[in-house]
Amino acid sequence: MNDRYSTFTAPKGGVMTKEVGVITGELELCTGAEADGELTMRVRYAGAAEWYTLDGGPHRLYDPRDHEVVHDVVVGLLHRDHP
């Protein structure tokens, strides 16, 4: 699996995780896909050690290489200004 990483500022209201609920502030997103297409999306506070699973899913991709495009879309959605 080739993981992709990006740092972003959480939108207003934060980002919902399965393990700890909403997190806010400067965050890092990591996405990847297993050979069977299972998509992983994890987030953590920038520079922290512990990763959390984004709420939602599970997600499966037809082609595991598509996770790179999905990564860019998710970062764009999480980093944009929300009303």
C-alpha atoms as a PDB file:
ATOM      1  CA  MET A   1       0.000   0.000   0.000  1.00  0.00           C
ATOM      2  CA  ASN A   2       1.309   3.455  -0.928  1.00  0.00           C
ATOM      3  CA  ASP A   3      -0.009   5.910   1.625  1.00  0.00           C
ATOM      4  CA  ARG A   4      -0.503   9.612   0.869  1.00  0.00           C
ATOM      5  CA  TYR A   5      -0.237  12.303   3.527  1.00  0.00           C
ATOM      6  CA  SER A   6      -1.437  15.917   3.681  1.00  0.00           C
ATOM      7  CA  THR A   7      -1.619  18.543   6.409  1.00  0.00           C
ATOM      8  CA  PHE A   8      -4.699  20.761   6.608  1.00  0.00           C
ATOM      9  CA  THR A   9      -6.670  22.929   9.004  1.00  0.00           C
ATOM     10  CA  ALA A  10      -9.911  21.320  10.140  1.00  0.00           C
ATOM     11  CA  PRO A  11     -13.091  22.981   8.884  1.00  0.00           C
ATOM     12  CA  LYS A  12     -15.498  24.738  11.231  1.00  0.00           C
ATOM     13  CA  GLY A  13     -16.998  21.989  13.402  1.00  0.00           C
ATOM     14  CA  GLY A  14     -13.912  19.772  13.083  1.00  0.00           C
ATOM     15  CA  VAL A  15     -13.508  16.273  11.673  1.00  0.00           C
ATOM     16  CA  MET A  16     -15.479  13.308  13.049  1.00  0.00           C
ATOM     17  CA  THR A  17     -13.491  10.209  13.979  1.00  0.00           C
ATOM     18  CA  LYS A  18     -14.701   6.774  15.084  1.00  0.00           C
ATOM     19  CA  GLU A  19     -12.446   6.568  18.121  1.00  0.00           C
ATOM     20  CA  VAL A  20     -12.593   9.996  19.806  1.00  0.00           C
ATOM     21  CA  GLY A  21     -15.350  11.967  18.081  1.00  0.00           C
ATOM     22  CA  VAL A  22     -14.608  15.425  16.700  1.00  0.00           C
ATOM     23  CA  ILE A  23     -11.049  16.730  16.434  1.00  0.00           C
ATOM     24  CA  THR A  24     -10.084  20.248  15.379  1.00  0.00           C
ATOM     25  CA  GLY A  25      -7.040  22.334  14.563  1.00  0.00           C
ATOM     26  CA  GLU A  26      -4.034  21.522  12.394  1.00  0.00           C
ATOM     27  CA  LEU A  27      -4.463  17.910  11.228  1.00  0.00           C
ATOM     28  CA  GLU A  28      -2.807  15.343   8.978  1.00  0.00           C
ATOM     29  CA  LEU A  29      -4.722  13.023   6.650  1.00  0.00           C
ATOM     30  CA  CYS A  30      -3.360   9.645   5.557  1.00  0.00           C
ATOM     31  CA  THR A  31      -5.085   7.603   2.860  1.00  0.00           C
ATOM     32  CA  GLY A  32      -4.204   4.287   1.322  1.00  0.00           C
ATOM     33  CA  ALA A  33      -5.779   1.249  -0.299  1.00  0.00           C
ATOM     34  CA  GLU A  34      -5.150  -2.442   0.143  1.00  0.00           C
ATOM     35  CA  ALA A  35      -4.723  -4.726  -2.890  1.00  0.00           C
ATOM     36  CA  ASP A  36      -8.427  -5.673  -2.629  1.00  0.00           C
ATOM     37  CA  GLY A  37      -9.418  -1.989  -2.868  1.00  0.00           C
ATOM     38  CA  GLU A  38     -10.228  -1.429   0.817  1.00  0.00           C
ATOM     39  CA  LEU A  39      -9.721   2.297   1.376  1.00  0.00           C
ATOM     40  CA  THR A  40      -8.164   3.541   4.607  1.00  0.00           C
ATOM     41  CA  MET A  41      -8.599   7.144   5.753  1.00  0.00           C
ATOM     42  CA  ARG A  42      -6.925   8.168   8.996  1.00  0.00           C
ATOM     43  CA  VAL A  43      -6.379  11.546  10.633  1.00  0.00           C
ATOM     44  CA  ARG A  44      -4.275  12.828  13.517  1.00  0.00           C
ATOM     45  CA  TYR A  45      -3.253  16.072  15.120  1.00  0.00           C
ATOM     46  CA  ALA A  46      -0.284  17.385  13.104  1.00  0.00           C
ATOM     47  CA  GLY A  47       2.901  15.856  14.505  1.00  0.00           C
ATOM     48  CA  ALA A  48       1.103  13.526  16.950  1.00  0.00           C
ATOM     49  CA  ALA A  49       1.717   9.783  17.100  1.00  0.00           C
ATOM     50  CA  GLU A  50      -1.845   8.456  17.334  1.00  0.00           C
ATOM     51  CA  TRP A  51      -4.020   8.084  14.234  1.00  0.00           C
ATOM     52  CA  TYR A  52      -7.844   8.004  14.218  1.00  0.00           C
ATOM     53  CA  THR A  53     -10.201   6.545  11.616  1.00  0.00           C
ATOM     54  CA  LEU A  54     -12.424   9.036   9.791  1.00  0.00           C
ATOM     55  CA  ASP A  55     -16.078   8.340  10.520  1.00  0.00           C
ATOM     56  CA  GLY A  56     -17.975   6.640   7.699  1.00  0.00           C
ATOM     57  CA  GLY A  57     -17.196   3.632   5.594  1.00  0.00           C
ATOM     58  CA  PRO A  58     -15.973   1.069   5.106  1.00  0.00           C
ATOM     59  CA  HIS A  59     -15.078   2.095   1.575  1.00  0.00           C
ATOM     60  CA  ARG A  60     -13.832  -0.074  -1.266  1.00  0.00           C
ATOM     61  CA  LEU A  61     -12.346   1.131  -4.541  1.00  0.00           C
ATOM     62  CA  TYR A  62     -12.602  -0.667  -7.858  1.00  0.00           C
ATOM     63  CA  ASP A  63      -8.941   0.157  -8.538  1.00  0.00           C
ATOM     64  CA  PRO A  64      -6.688   0.623  -5.456  1.00  0.00           C
ATOM     65  CA  ARG A  65      -4.641   3.233  -7.330  1.00  0.00           C
ATOM     66  CA  ASP A  66      -7.670   5.522  -7.216  1.00  0.00           C
ATOM     67  CA  HIS A  67      -6.958   6.277  -3.559  1.00  0.00           C
ATOM     68  CA  GLU A  68      -4.578   9.014  -4.717  1.00  0.00           C
ATOM     69  CA  VAL A  69      -7.445  10.862  -6.416  1.00  0.00           C
ATOM     70  CA  VAL A  70      -9.744  10.211  -3.449  1.00  0.00           C
ATOM     71  CA  HIS A  71      -7.040  11.631  -1.145  1.00  0.00           C
ATOM     72  CA  ASP A  72      -6.932  14.902  -3.093  1.00  0.00           C
ATOM     73  CA  VAL A  73     -10.734  15.191  -3.071  1.00  0.00           C
ATOM     74  CA  VAL A  74     -10.993  14.501   0.680  1.00  0.00           C
ATOM     75  CA  VAL A  75      -8.269  17.053   1.513  1.00  0.00           C
ATOM     76  CA  GLY A  76     -10.040  19.618  -0.670  1.00  0.00           C
ATOM     77  CA  LEU A  77     -13.349  18.978   1.088  1.00  0.00           C
ATOM     78  CA  LEU A  78     -11.861  19.079   4.573  1.00  0.00           C
ATOM     79  CA  HIS A  79      -9.740  22.173   3.937  1.00  0.00           C
ATOM     80  CA  ARG A  80     -12.345  24.409   2.287  1.00  0.00           C
ATOM     81  CA  ASP A  81     -14.197  27.189   4.065  1.00  0.00           C
ATOM     82  CA  HIS A  82     -17.559  26.078   5.389  1.00  0.00           C
ATOM     83  CA  PRO A  83     -20.445  28.465   6.033  1.00  0.00           C
END
